[in-house]
Amino acid sequence: MYDPQVTKKQMVSDITGEYEGNVDPAVVQRVEKCLHVQTSALEAVNGADAIIISTEWDEFKTLDYEAVYSVMNKPAFVFDGRLILDATKLTKIGFKVHQIGKPAFFGF
């Protein structure tokens, strides 16, 4: 997982609901153990099958998606949950693109 604005501690808190209280510490520990947070987007997608965009940070709009595609497993999928990416451009690179609220776009 990668988010340029959110710390691992905050991610764990959001996933477990820890900020609401009454969370079993063992659940928090399991999530902390399983959650692998990377320091860059390129590091996070290395060997991945898919990318899920769930925030609108500018960094995700301007990533070098050709470099991203080159380190991913193929077929490589992008799920754009914020409608911030150019599906046509990504499809030309080779991605299989899915955008929330739109039909799948494979460049046909």
PDB file of N, CA and C in Angstrom:
ATOM      1  N   MET A   1       0.844  -1.157   0.000  1.00  0.00           N
ATOM      2  CA  MET A   1       0.000   0.000   0.000  1.00  0.00           C
ATOM      3  C   MET A   1       0.895   1.227   0.000  1.00  0.00           C
ATOM      4  N   TYR A   2       0.425   2.246  -0.677  1.00  0.00           N
ATOM      5  CA  TYR A   2       1.161   3.498  -0.702  1.00  0.00           C
ATOM      6  C   TYR A   2       0.185   4.663  -0.691  1.00  0.00           C
ATOM      7  N   ASP A   3       0.451   5.620   0.161  1.00  0.00           N
ATOM      8  CA  ASP A   3      -0.299   6.873   0.196  1.00  0.00           C
ATOM      9  C   ASP A   3       0.701   7.953   0.580  1.00  0.00           C
ATOM     10  N   PRO A   4       0.869   8.959  -0.263  1.00  0.00           N
ATOM     11  CA  PRO A   4       1.883   9.979   0.013  1.00  0.00           C
ATOM     12  C   PRO A   4       1.546  10.896   1.190  1.00  0.00           C
ATOM     13  N   GLN A   5       0.324  10.825   1.694  1.00  0.00           N
ATOM     14  CA  GLN A   5      -0.093  11.755   2.748  1.00  0.00           C
ATOM     15  C   GLN A   5      -0.488  11.085   4.064  1.00  0.00           C
ATOM     16  N   VAL A   6      -0.547   9.757   4.100  1.00  0.00           N
ATOM     17  CA  VAL A   6      -1.070   9.069   5.279  1.00  0.00           C
ATOM     18  C   VAL A   6      -0.017   8.115   5.841  1.00  0.00           C
ATOM     19  N   THR A   7       0.184   8.166   7.150  1.00  0.00           N
ATOM     20  CA  THR A   7       1.153   7.290   7.804  1.00  0.00           C
ATOM     21  C   THR A   7       0.580   5.889   7.994  1.00  0.00           C
ATOM     22  N   LYS A   8       1.466   4.940   8.202  1.00  0.00           N
ATOM     23  CA  LYS A   8       1.021   3.565   8.459  1.00  0.00           C
ATOM     24  C   LYS A   8       0.154   3.526   9.709  1.00  0.00           C
ATOM     25  N   LYS A   9       0.523   4.263  10.739  1.00  0.00           N
ATOM     26  CA  LYS A   9      -0.255   4.288  11.974  1.00  0.00           C
ATOM     27  C   LYS A   9      -1.693   4.732  11.707  1.00  0.00           C
ATOM     28  N   GLN A  10      -1.847   5.766  10.872  1.00  0.00           N
ATOM     29  CA  GLN A  10      -3.188   6.253  10.557  1.00  0.00           C
ATOM     30  C   GLN A  10      -3.952   5.217   9.722  1.00  0.00           C
ATOM     31  N   MET A  11      -3.250   4.548   8.786  1.00  0.00           N
ATOM     32  CA  MET A  11      -3.901   3.510   7.986  1.00  0.00           C
ATOM     33  C   MET A  11      -4.433   2.394   8.879  1.00  0.00           C
ATOM     34  N   VAL A  12      -3.615   1.947   9.817  1.00  0.00           N
ATOM     35  CA  VAL A  12      -4.035   0.883  10.737  1.00  0.00           C
ATOM     36  C   VAL A  12      -5.249   1.338  11.532  1.00  0.00           C
ATOM     37  N   SER A  13      -5.202   2.563  12.008  1.00  0.00           N
ATOM     38  CA  SER A  13      -6.322   3.100  12.780  1.00  0.00           C
ATOM     39  C   SER A  13      -7.601   3.146  11.938  1.00  0.00           C
ATOM     40  N   ASP A  14      -7.476   3.572  10.684  1.00  0.00           N
ATOM     41  CA  ASP A  14      -8.640   3.643   9.803  1.00  0.00           C
ATOM     42  C   ASP A  14      -9.202   2.254   9.488  1.00  0.00           C
ATOM     43  N   ILE A  15      -8.319   1.292   9.257  1.00  0.00           N
ATOM     44  CA  ILE A  15      -8.754  -0.061   8.907  1.00  0.00           C
ATOM     45  C   ILE A  15      -9.435  -0.748  10.085  1.00  0.00           C
ATOM     46  N   THR A  16      -8.879  -0.590  11.265  1.00  0.00           N
ATOM     47  CA  THR A  16      -9.392  -1.308  12.435  1.00  0.00           C
ATOM     48  C   THR A  16     -10.507  -0.561  13.159  1.00  0.00           C
ATOM     49  N   GLY A  17     -10.656   0.714  12.878  1.00  0.00           N
ATOM     50  CA  GLY A  17     -11.616   1.511  13.631  1.00  0.00           C
ATOM     51  C   GLY A  17     -11.090   1.844  15.015  1.00  0.00           C
ATOM     52  N   GLU A  18      -9.787   1.747  15.184  1.00  0.00           N
ATOM     53  CA  GLU A  18      -9.135   1.967  16.474  1.00  0.00           C
ATOM     54  C   GLU A  18      -9.486   3.339  17.071  1.00  0.00           C
ATOM     55  N   TYR A  19      -9.637   4.331  16.219  1.00  0.00           N
ATOM     56  CA  TYR A  19      -9.950   5.688  16.682  1.00  0.00           C
ATOM     57  C   TYR A  19     -11.319   5.757  17.345  1.00  0.00           C
ATOM     58  N   GLU A  20     -12.166   4.760  17.093  1.00  0.00           N
ATOM     59  CA  GLU A  20     -13.495   4.725  17.716  1.00  0.00           C
ATOM     60  C   GLU A  20     -13.462   4.043  19.081  1.00  0.00           C
ATOM     61  N   GLY A  21     -12.347   3.430  19.426  1.00  0.00           N
ATOM     62  CA  GLY A  21     -12.223   2.744  20.702  1.00  0.00           C
ATOM     63  C   GLY A  21     -12.779   1.337  20.639  1.00  0.00           C
ATOM     64  N   ASN A  22     -12.627   0.603  21.747  1.00  0.00           N
ATOM     65  CA  ASN A  22     -13.149  -0.757  21.886  1.00  0.00           C
ATOM     66  C   ASN A  22     -12.656  -1.719  20.806  1.00  0.00           C
ATOM     67  N   VAL A  23     -11.418  -1.573  20.381  1.00  0.00           N
ATOM     68  CA  VAL A  23     -10.851  -2.495  19.400  1.00  0.00           C
ATOM     69  C   VAL A  23      -9.869  -3.411  20.118  1.00  0.00           C
ATOM     70  N   ASP A  24      -9.978  -4.673  19.833  1.00  0.00           N
ATOM     71  CA  ASP A  24      -9.082  -5.667  20.420  1.00  0.00           C
ATOM     72  C   ASP A  24      -7.652  -5.370  19.961  1.00  0.00           C
ATOM     73  N   PRO A  25      -6.719  -5.177  20.886  1.00  0.00           N
ATOM     74  CA  PRO A  25      -5.323  -4.911  20.507  1.00  0.00           C
ATOM     75  C   PRO A  25      -4.734  -5.992  19.604  1.00  0.00           C
ATOM     76  N   ALA A  26      -5.220  -7.226  19.732  1.00  0.00           N
ATOM     77  CA  ALA A  26      -4.722  -8.306  18.877  1.00  0.00           C
ATOM     78  C   ALA A  26      -5.103  -8.055  17.421  1.00  0.00           C
ATOM     79  N   VAL A  27      -6.260  -7.461  17.184  1.00  0.00           N
ATOM     80  CA  VAL A  27      -6.681  -7.123  15.815  1.00  0.00           C
ATOM     81  C   VAL A  27      -5.752  -6.057  15.250  1.00  0.00           C
ATOM     82  N   VAL A  28      -5.448  -5.066  16.042  1.00  0.00           N
ATOM     83  CA  VAL A  28      -4.533  -4.003  15.603  1.00  0.00           C
ATOM     84  C   VAL A  28      -3.182  -4.607  15.258  1.00  0.00           C
ATOM     85  N   GLN A  29      -2.677  -5.495  16.085  1.00  0.00           N
ATOM     86  CA  GLN A  29      -1.385  -6.138  15.830  1.00  0.00           C
ATOM     87  C   GLN A  29      -1.399  -6.953  14.544  1.00  0.00           C
ATOM     88  N   ARG A  30      -2.494  -7.676  14.297  1.00  0.00           N
ATOM     89  CA  ARG A  30      -2.589  -8.471  13.050  1.00  0.00           C
ATOM     90  C   ARG A  30      -2.584  -7.571  11.828  1.00  0.00           C
ATOM     91  N   VAL A  31      -3.324  -6.480  11.890  1.00  0.00           N
ATOM     92  CA  VAL A  31      -3.348  -5.551  10.758  1.00  0.00           C
ATOM     93  C   VAL A  31      -1.972  -4.936  10.554  1.00  0.00           C
ATOM     94  N   GLU A  32      -1.326  -4.525  11.635  1.00  0.00           N
ATOM     95  CA  GLU A  32       0.022  -3.947  11.518  1.00  0.00           C
ATOM     96  C   GLU A  32       0.990  -4.935  10.873  1.00  0.00           C
ATOM     97  N   LYS A  33       0.851  -6.204  11.217  1.00  0.00           N
ATOM     98  CA  LYS A  33       1.739  -7.236  10.668  1.00  0.00           C
ATOM     99  C   LYS A  33       1.478  -7.475   9.173  1.00  0.00           C
ATOM    100  N   CYS A  34       0.223  -7.405   8.775  1.00  0.00           N
ATOM    101  CA  CYS A  34      -0.157  -7.726   7.394  1.00  0.00           C
ATOM    102  C   CYS A  34      -0.077  -6.532   6.442  1.00  0.00           C
ATOM    103  N   LEU A  35      -0.119  -5.332   6.972  1.00  0.00           N
ATOM    104  CA  LEU A  35      -0.142  -4.134   6.144  1.00  0.00           C
ATOM    105  C   LEU A  35       1.281  -3.750   5.746  1.00  0.00           C
ATOM    106  N   HIS A  36       1.567  -3.827   4.479  1.00  0.00           N
ATOM    107  CA  HIS A  36       2.899  -3.495   3.970  1.00  0.00           C
ATOM    108  C   HIS A  36       2.821  -2.134   3.269  1.00  0.00           C
ATOM    109  N   VAL A  37       3.351  -1.126   3.918  1.00  0.00           N
ATOM    110  CA  VAL A  37       3.313   0.231   3.392  1.00  0.00           C
ATOM    111  C   VAL A  37       4.663   0.528   2.742  1.00  0.00           C
ATOM    112  N   GLN A  38       4.607   0.999   1.503  1.00  0.00           N
ATOM    113  CA  GLN A  38       5.820   1.300   0.741  1.00  0.00           C
ATOM    114  C   GLN A  38       6.103   2.799   0.740  1.00  0.00           C
ATOM    115  N   THR A  39       7.327   3.168   0.380  1.00  0.00           N
ATOM    116  CA  THR A  39       7.733   4.571   0.419  1.00  0.00           C
ATOM    117  C   THR A  39       7.535   5.302  -0.907  1.00  0.00           C
ATOM    118  N   SER A  40       7.160   4.566  -1.951  1.00  0.00           N
ATOM    119  CA  SER A  40       6.896   5.203  -3.245  1.00  0.00           C
ATOM    120  C   SER A  40       5.862   4.383  -4.009  1.00  0.00           C
ATOM    121  N   ALA A  41       5.217   5.026  -4.943  1.00  0.00           N
ATOM    122  CA  ALA A  41       4.227   4.337  -5.767  1.00  0.00           C
ATOM    123  C   ALA A  41       4.891   3.238  -6.591  1.00  0.00           C
ATOM    124  N   LEU A  42       6.048   3.520  -7.154  1.00  0.00           N
ATOM    125  CA  LEU A  42       6.728   2.526  -7.990  1.00  0.00           C
ATOM    126  C   LEU A  42       7.114   1.299  -7.163  1.00  0.00           C
ATOM    127  N   GLU A  43       7.554   1.514  -5.954  1.00  0.00           N
ATOM    128  CA  GLU A  43       7.884   0.402  -5.065  1.00  0.00           C
ATOM    129  C   GLU A  43       6.635  -0.422  -4.744  1.00  0.00           C
ATOM    130  N   ALA A  44       5.522   0.253  -4.552  1.00  0.00           N
ATOM    131  CA  ALA A  44       4.273  -0.432  -4.187  1.00  0.00           C
ATOM    132  C   ALA A  44       3.730  -1.301  -5.310  1.00  0.00           C
ATOM    133  N   VAL A  45       3.948  -0.918  -6.555  1.00  0.00           N
ATOM    134  CA  VAL A  45       3.368  -1.680  -7.676  1.00  0.00           C
ATOM    135  C   VAL A  45       4.308  -2.735  -8.235  1.00  0.00           C
ATOM    136  N   ASN A  46       5.532  -2.785  -7.770  1.00  0.00           N
ATOM    137  CA  ASN A  46       6.504  -3.752  -8.269  1.00  0.00           C
ATOM    138  C   ASN A  46       5.991  -5.171  -8.046  1.00  0.00           C
ATOM    139  N   GLY A  47       5.707  -5.888  -9.130  1.00  0.00           N
ATOM    140  CA  GLY A  47       5.210  -7.255  -9.060  1.00  0.00           C
ATOM    141  C   GLY A  47       3.718  -7.363  -8.781  1.00  0.00           C
ATOM    142  N   ALA A  48       3.018  -6.239  -8.798  1.00  0.00           N
ATOM    143  CA  ALA A  48       1.574  -6.246  -8.525  1.00  0.00           C
ATOM    144  C   ALA A  48       0.782  -6.608  -9.778  1.00  0.00           C
ATOM    145  N   ASP A  49      -0.436  -7.071  -9.568  1.00  0.00           N
ATOM    146  CA  ASP A  49      -1.362  -7.375 -10.660  1.00  0.00           C
ATOM    147  C   ASP A  49      -2.261  -6.188 -10.981  1.00  0.00           C
ATOM    148  N   ALA A  50      -2.492  -5.342  -9.975  1.00  0.00           N
ATOM    149  CA  ALA A  50      -3.448  -4.248 -10.147  1.00  0.00           C
ATOM    150  C   ALA A  50      -3.082  -3.055  -9.275  1.00  0.00           C
ATOM    151  N   ILE A  51      -3.589  -1.913  -9.704  1.00  0.00           N
ATOM    152  CA  ILE A  51      -3.491  -0.671  -8.947  1.00  0.00           C
ATOM    153  C   ILE A  51      -4.914  -0.236  -8.635  1.00  0.00           C
ATOM    154  N   ILE A  52      -5.138   0.176  -7.405  1.00  0.00           N
ATOM    155  CA  ILE A  52      -6.429   0.745  -7.029  1.00  0.00           C
ATOM    156  C   ILE A  52      -6.182   2.186  -6.612  1.00  0.00           C
ATOM    157  N   ILE A  53      -6.772   3.110  -7.341  1.00  0.00           N
ATOM    158  CA  ILE A  53      -6.661   4.529  -7.004  1.00  0.00           C
ATOM    159  C   ILE A  53      -7.889   4.885  -6.173  1.00  0.00           C
ATOM    160  N   SER A  54      -7.650   5.247  -4.914  1.00  0.00           N
ATOM    161  CA  SER A  54      -8.777   5.574  -4.039  1.00  0.00           C
ATOM    162  C   SER A  54      -8.638   6.949  -3.397  1.00  0.00           C
ATOM    163  N   THR A  55      -7.642   7.705  -3.833  1.00  0.00           N
ATOM    164  CA  THR A  55      -7.486   9.090  -3.382  1.00  0.00           C
ATOM    165  C   THR A  55      -7.207   9.955  -4.598  1.00  0.00           C
ATOM    166  N   GLU A  56      -7.341  11.240  -4.428  1.00  0.00           N
ATOM    167  CA  GLU A  56      -7.164  12.164  -5.560  1.00  0.00           C
ATOM    168  C   GLU A  56      -5.853  12.943  -5.489  1.00  0.00           C
ATOM    169  N   TRP A  57      -4.851  12.408  -4.820  1.00  0.00           N
ATOM    170  CA  TRP A  57      -3.583  13.126  -4.716  1.00  0.00           C
ATOM    171  C   TRP A  57      -3.008  13.366  -6.105  1.00  0.00           C
ATOM    172  N   ASP A  58      -2.438  14.554  -6.300  1.00  0.00           N
ATOM    173  CA  ASP A  58      -1.862  14.926  -7.595  1.00  0.00           C
ATOM    174  C   ASP A  58      -0.802  13.935  -8.057  1.00  0.00           C
ATOM    175  N   GLU A  59      -0.071  13.353  -7.129  1.00  0.00           N
ATOM    176  CA  GLU A  59       0.982  12.407  -7.501  1.00  0.00           C
ATOM    177  C   GLU A  59       0.447  11.280  -8.377  1.00  0.00           C
ATOM    178  N   PHE A  60      -0.771  10.823  -8.111  1.00  0.00           N
ATOM    179  CA  PHE A  60      -1.326   9.721  -8.887  1.00  0.00           C
ATOM    180  C   PHE A  60      -1.754  10.169 -10.280  1.00  0.00           C
ATOM    181  N   LYS A  61      -1.989  11.441 -10.453  1.00  0.00           N
ATOM    182  CA  LYS A  61      -2.351  11.981 -11.767  1.00  0.00           C
ATOM    183  C   LYS A  61      -1.130  12.109 -12.667  1.00  0.00           C
ATOM    184  N   THR A  62       0.043  12.258 -12.062  1.00  0.00           N
ATOM    185  CA  THR A  62       1.252  12.561 -12.835  1.00  0.00           C
ATOM    186  C   THR A  62       2.308  11.467 -12.795  1.00  0.00           C
ATOM    187  N   LEU A  63       1.973  10.299 -12.274  1.00  0.00           N
ATOM    188  CA  LEU A  63       2.941   9.195 -12.243  1.00  0.00           C
ATOM    189  C   LEU A  63       3.399   8.834 -13.649  1.00  0.00           C
ATOM    190  N   ASP A  64       4.592   8.308 -13.742  1.00  0.00           N
ATOM    191  CA  ASP A  64       5.096   7.769 -15.001  1.00  0.00           C
ATOM    192  C   ASP A  64       4.499   6.369 -15.152  1.00  0.00           C
ATOM    193  N   TYR A  65       3.332   6.302 -15.778  1.00  0.00           N
ATOM    194  CA  TYR A  65       2.613   5.028 -15.861  1.00  0.00           C
ATOM    195  C   TYR A  65       3.293   4.031 -16.796  1.00  0.00           C
ATOM    196  N   GLU A  66       4.158   4.479 -17.678  1.00  0.00           N
ATOM    197  CA  GLU A  66       4.935   3.528 -18.479  1.00  0.00           C
ATOM    198  C   GLU A  66       5.924   2.794 -17.581  1.00  0.00           C
ATOM    199  N   ALA A  67       6.558   3.520 -16.665  1.00  0.00           N
ATOM    200  CA  ALA A  67       7.472   2.888 -15.705  1.00  0.00           C
ATOM    201  C   ALA A  67       6.699   1.971 -14.765  1.00  0.00           C
ATOM    202  N   VAL A  68       5.541   2.400 -14.343  1.00  0.00           N
ATOM    203  CA  VAL A  68       4.686   1.590 -13.477  1.00  0.00           C
ATOM    204  C   VAL A  68       4.335   0.279 -14.183  1.00  0.00           C
ATOM    205  N   TYR A  69       3.878   0.375 -15.425  1.00  0.00           N
ATOM    206  CA  TYR A  69       3.481  -0.797 -16.198  1.00  0.00           C
ATOM    207  C   TYR A  69       4.655  -1.776 -16.344  1.00  0.00           C
ATOM    208  N   SER A  70       5.850  -1.237 -16.521  1.00  0.00           N
ATOM    209  CA  SER A  70       7.017  -2.094 -16.775  1.00  0.00           C
ATOM    210  C   SER A  70       7.372  -2.988 -15.595  1.00  0.00           C
ATOM    211  N   VAL A  71       6.994  -2.623 -14.362  1.00  0.00           N
ATOM    212  CA  VAL A  71       7.352  -3.436 -13.204  1.00  0.00           C
ATOM    213  C   VAL A  71       6.185  -4.280 -12.678  1.00  0.00           C
ATOM    214  N   MET A  72       5.032  -4.188 -13.340  1.00  0.00           N
ATOM    215  CA  MET A  72       3.858  -4.943 -12.891  1.00  0.00           C
ATOM    216  C   MET A  72       3.743  -6.284 -13.607  1.00  0.00           C
ATOM    217  N   ASN A  73       3.015  -7.213 -12.993  1.00  0.00           N
ATOM    218  CA  ASN A  73       2.647  -8.458 -13.667  1.00  0.00           C
ATOM    219  C   ASN A  73       1.673  -8.124 -14.791  1.00  0.00           C
ATOM    220  N   LYS A  74       1.637  -8.987 -15.793  1.00  0.00           N
ATOM    221  CA  LYS A  74       0.716  -8.786 -16.914  1.00  0.00           C
ATOM    222  C   LYS A  74      -0.292  -9.912 -16.959  1.00  0.00           C
ATOM    223  N   PRO A  75      -1.549  -9.665 -17.267  1.00  0.00           N
ATOM    224  CA  PRO A  75      -2.074  -8.341 -17.586  1.00  0.00           C
ATOM    225  C   PRO A  75      -2.083  -7.445 -16.343  1.00  0.00           C
ATOM    226  N   ALA A  76      -1.900  -6.145 -16.563  1.00  0.00           N
ATOM    227  CA  ALA A  76      -1.865  -5.156 -15.487  1.00  0.00           C
ATOM    228  C   ALA A  76      -3.166  -4.360 -15.506  1.00  0.00           C
ATOM    229  N   PHE A  77      -3.788  -4.267 -14.347  1.00  0.00           N
ATOM    230  CA  PHE A  77      -5.085  -3.603 -14.226  1.00  0.00           C
ATOM    231  C   PHE A  77      -4.965  -2.312 -13.434  1.00  0.00           C
ATOM    232  N   VAL A  78      -5.792  -1.336 -13.808  1.00  0.00           N
ATOM    233  CA  VAL A  78      -5.949  -0.108 -13.037  1.00  0.00           C
ATOM    234  C   VAL A  78      -7.424   0.035 -12.710  1.00  0.00           C
ATOM    235  N   PHE A  79      -7.710   0.195 -11.435  1.00  0.00           N
ATOM    236  CA  PHE A  79      -9.065   0.483 -10.973  1.00  0.00           C
ATOM    237  C   PHE A  79      -9.049   1.911 -10.457  1.00  0.00           C
ATOM    238  N   ASP A  80      -9.635   2.815 -11.220  1.00  0.00           N
ATOM    239  CA  ASP A  80      -9.626   4.240 -10.899  1.00  0.00           C
ATOM    240  C   ASP A  80     -10.922   4.602 -10.184  1.00  0.00           C
ATOM    241  N   GLY A  81     -10.854   4.634  -8.869  1.00  0.00           N
ATOM    242  CA  GLY A  81     -12.029   4.921  -8.066  1.00  0.00           C
ATOM    243  C   GLY A  81     -12.353   6.390  -7.924  1.00  0.00           C
ATOM    244  N   ARG A  82     -11.529   7.242  -8.496  1.00  0.00           N
ATOM    245  CA  ARG A  82     -11.744   8.690  -8.389  1.00  0.00           C
ATOM    246  C   ARG A  82     -11.889   9.386  -9.736  1.00  0.00           C
ATOM    247  N   LEU A  83     -11.828   8.607 -10.818  1.00  0.00           N
ATOM    248  CA  LEU A  83     -11.957   9.159 -12.178  1.00  0.00           C
ATOM    249  C   LEU A  83     -10.949  10.271 -12.432  1.00  0.00           C
ATOM    250  N   ILE A  84      -9.689  10.031 -12.053  1.00  0.00           N
ATOM    251  CA  ILE A  84      -8.654  11.055 -12.219  1.00  0.00           C
ATOM    252  C   ILE A  84      -7.655  10.721 -13.326  1.00  0.00           C
ATOM    253  N   LEU A  85      -7.767   9.522 -13.902  1.00  0.00           N
ATOM    254  CA  LEU A  85      -6.770   9.084 -14.878  1.00  0.00           C
ATOM    255  C   LEU A  85      -7.329   9.079 -16.291  1.00  0.00           C
ATOM    256  N   ASP A  86      -6.418   9.169 -17.258  1.00  0.00           N
ATOM    257  CA  ASP A  86      -6.769   9.153 -18.671  1.00  0.00           C
ATOM    258  C   ASP A  86      -6.794   7.694 -19.144  1.00  0.00           C
ATOM    259  N   ALA A  87      -7.986   7.124 -19.227  1.00  0.00           N
ATOM    260  CA  ALA A  87      -8.135   5.712 -19.583  1.00  0.00           C
ATOM    261  C   ALA A  87      -7.557   5.395 -20.957  1.00  0.00           C
ATOM    262  N   THR A  88      -7.711   6.298 -21.910  1.00  0.00           N
ATOM    263  CA  THR A  88      -7.184   6.071 -23.255  1.00  0.00           C
ATOM    264  C   THR A  88      -5.661   5.953 -23.230  1.00  0.00           C
ATOM    265  N   LYS A  89      -5.015   6.865 -22.534  1.00  0.00           N
ATOM    266  CA  LYS A  89      -3.552   6.846 -22.435  1.00  0.00           C
ATOM    267  C   LYS A  89      -3.065   5.568 -21.745  1.00  0.00           C
ATOM    268  N   LEU A  90      -3.725   5.194 -20.649  1.00  0.00           N
ATOM    269  CA  LEU A  90      -3.317   3.991 -19.927  1.00  0.00           C
ATOM    270  C   LEU A  90      -3.510   2.737 -20.770  1.00  0.00           C
ATOM    271  N   THR A  91      -4.579   2.685 -21.543  1.00  0.00           N
ATOM    272  CA  THR A  91      -4.847   1.537 -22.408  1.00  0.00           C
ATOM    273  C   THR A  91      -3.780   1.427 -23.490  1.00  0.00           C
ATOM    274  N   LYS A  92      -3.344   2.556 -24.025  1.00  0.00           N
ATOM    275  CA  LYS A  92      -2.276   2.535 -25.034  1.00  0.00           C
ATOM    276  C   LYS A  92      -0.978   1.994 -24.460  1.00  0.00           C
ATOM    277  N   ILE A  93      -0.744   2.235 -23.171  1.00  0.00           N
ATOM    278  CA  ILE A  93       0.439   1.683 -22.510  1.00  0.00           C
ATOM    279  C   ILE A  93       0.310   0.170 -22.374  1.00  0.00           C
ATOM    280  N   GLY A  94      -0.914  -0.321 -22.186  1.00  0.00           N
ATOM    281  CA  GLY A  94      -1.145  -1.759 -22.037  1.00  0.00           C
ATOM    282  C   GLY A  94      -2.046  -2.136 -20.881  1.00  0.00           C
ATOM    283  N   PHE A  95      -2.418  -1.183 -20.050  1.00  0.00           N
ATOM    284  CA  PHE A  95      -3.272  -1.463 -18.900  1.00  0.00           C
ATOM    285  C   PHE A  95      -4.682  -1.861 -19.310  1.00  0.00           C
ATOM    286  N   LYS A  96      -5.318  -2.668 -18.486  1.00  0.00           N
ATOM    287  CA  LYS A  96      -6.751  -2.937 -18.544  1.00  0.00           C
ATOM    288  C   LYS A  96      -7.354  -1.983 -17.523  1.00  0.00           C
ATOM    289  N   VAL A  97      -8.181  -1.051 -17.976  1.00  0.00           N
ATOM    290  CA  VAL A  97      -8.633   0.044 -17.123  1.00  0.00           C
ATOM    291  C   VAL A  97     -10.108  -0.107 -16.761  1.00  0.00           C
ATOM    292  N   HIS A  98     -10.381   0.060 -15.476  1.00  0.00           N
ATOM    293  CA  HIS A  98     -11.749   0.080 -14.959  1.00  0.00           C
ATOM    294  C   HIS A  98     -11.904   1.369 -14.168  1.00  0.00           C
ATOM    295  N   GLN A  99     -12.949   2.123 -14.478  1.00  0.00           N
ATOM    296  CA  GLN A  99     -13.223   3.355 -13.750  1.00  0.00           C
ATOM    297  C   GLN A  99     -14.608   3.266 -13.125  1.00  0.00           C
ATOM    298  N   ILE A 100     -14.707   3.703 -11.888  1.00  0.00           N
ATOM    299  CA  ILE A 100     -15.976   3.653 -11.163  1.00  0.00           C
ATOM    300  C   ILE A 100     -17.046   4.400 -11.956  1.00  0.00           C
ATOM    301  N   GLY A 101     -18.174   3.741 -12.161  1.00  0.00           N
ATOM    302  CA  GLY A 101     -19.300   4.372 -12.834  1.00  0.00           C
ATOM    303  C   GLY A 101     -19.225   4.375 -14.346  1.00  0.00           C
ATOM    304  N   LYS A 102     -18.191   3.745 -14.905  1.00  0.00           N
ATOM    305  CA  LYS A 102     -18.041   3.686 -16.353  1.00  0.00           C
ATOM    306  C   LYS A 102     -17.825   2.238 -16.775  1.00  0.00           C
ATOM    307  N   PRO A 103     -18.195   1.899 -18.011  1.00  0.00           N
ATOM    308  CA  PRO A 103     -17.915   0.536 -18.483  1.00  0.00           C
ATOM    309  C   PRO A 103     -16.396   0.312 -18.585  1.00  0.00           C
ATOM    310  N   ALA A 104     -15.974  -0.929 -18.487  1.00  0.00           N
ATOM    311  CA  ALA A 104     -14.554  -1.245 -18.616  1.00  0.00           C
ATOM    312  C   ALA A 104     -14.030  -0.696 -19.925  1.00  0.00           C
ATOM    313  N   PHE A 105     -12.805  -0.176 -19.919  1.00  0.00           N
ATOM    314  CA  PHE A 105     -12.220   0.435 -21.105  1.00  0.00           C
ATOM    315  C   PHE A 105     -10.963  -0.324 -21.478  1.00  0.00           C
ATOM    316  N   PHE A 106     -11.019  -0.978 -22.619  1.00  0.00           N
ATOM    317  CA  PHE A 106      -9.874  -1.737 -23.098  1.00  0.00           C
ATOM    318  C   PHE A 106      -9.379  -1.228 -24.433  1.00  0.00           C
ATOM    319  N   GLY A 107      -9.826  -0.034 -24.826  1.00  0.00           N
ATOM    320  CA  GLY A 107      -9.309   0.588 -26.035  1.00  0.00           C
ATOM    321  C   GLY A 107      -9.954   0.136 -27.312  1.00  0.00           C
ATOM    322  N   PHE A 108     -11.126  -0.466 -27.252  1.00  0.00           N
ATOM    323  CA  PHE A 108     -11.781  -0.918 -28.475  1.00  0.00           C
ATOM    324  C   PHE A 108     -12.511   0.235 -29.121  1.00  0.00           C
TER     325      PHE A 108
END
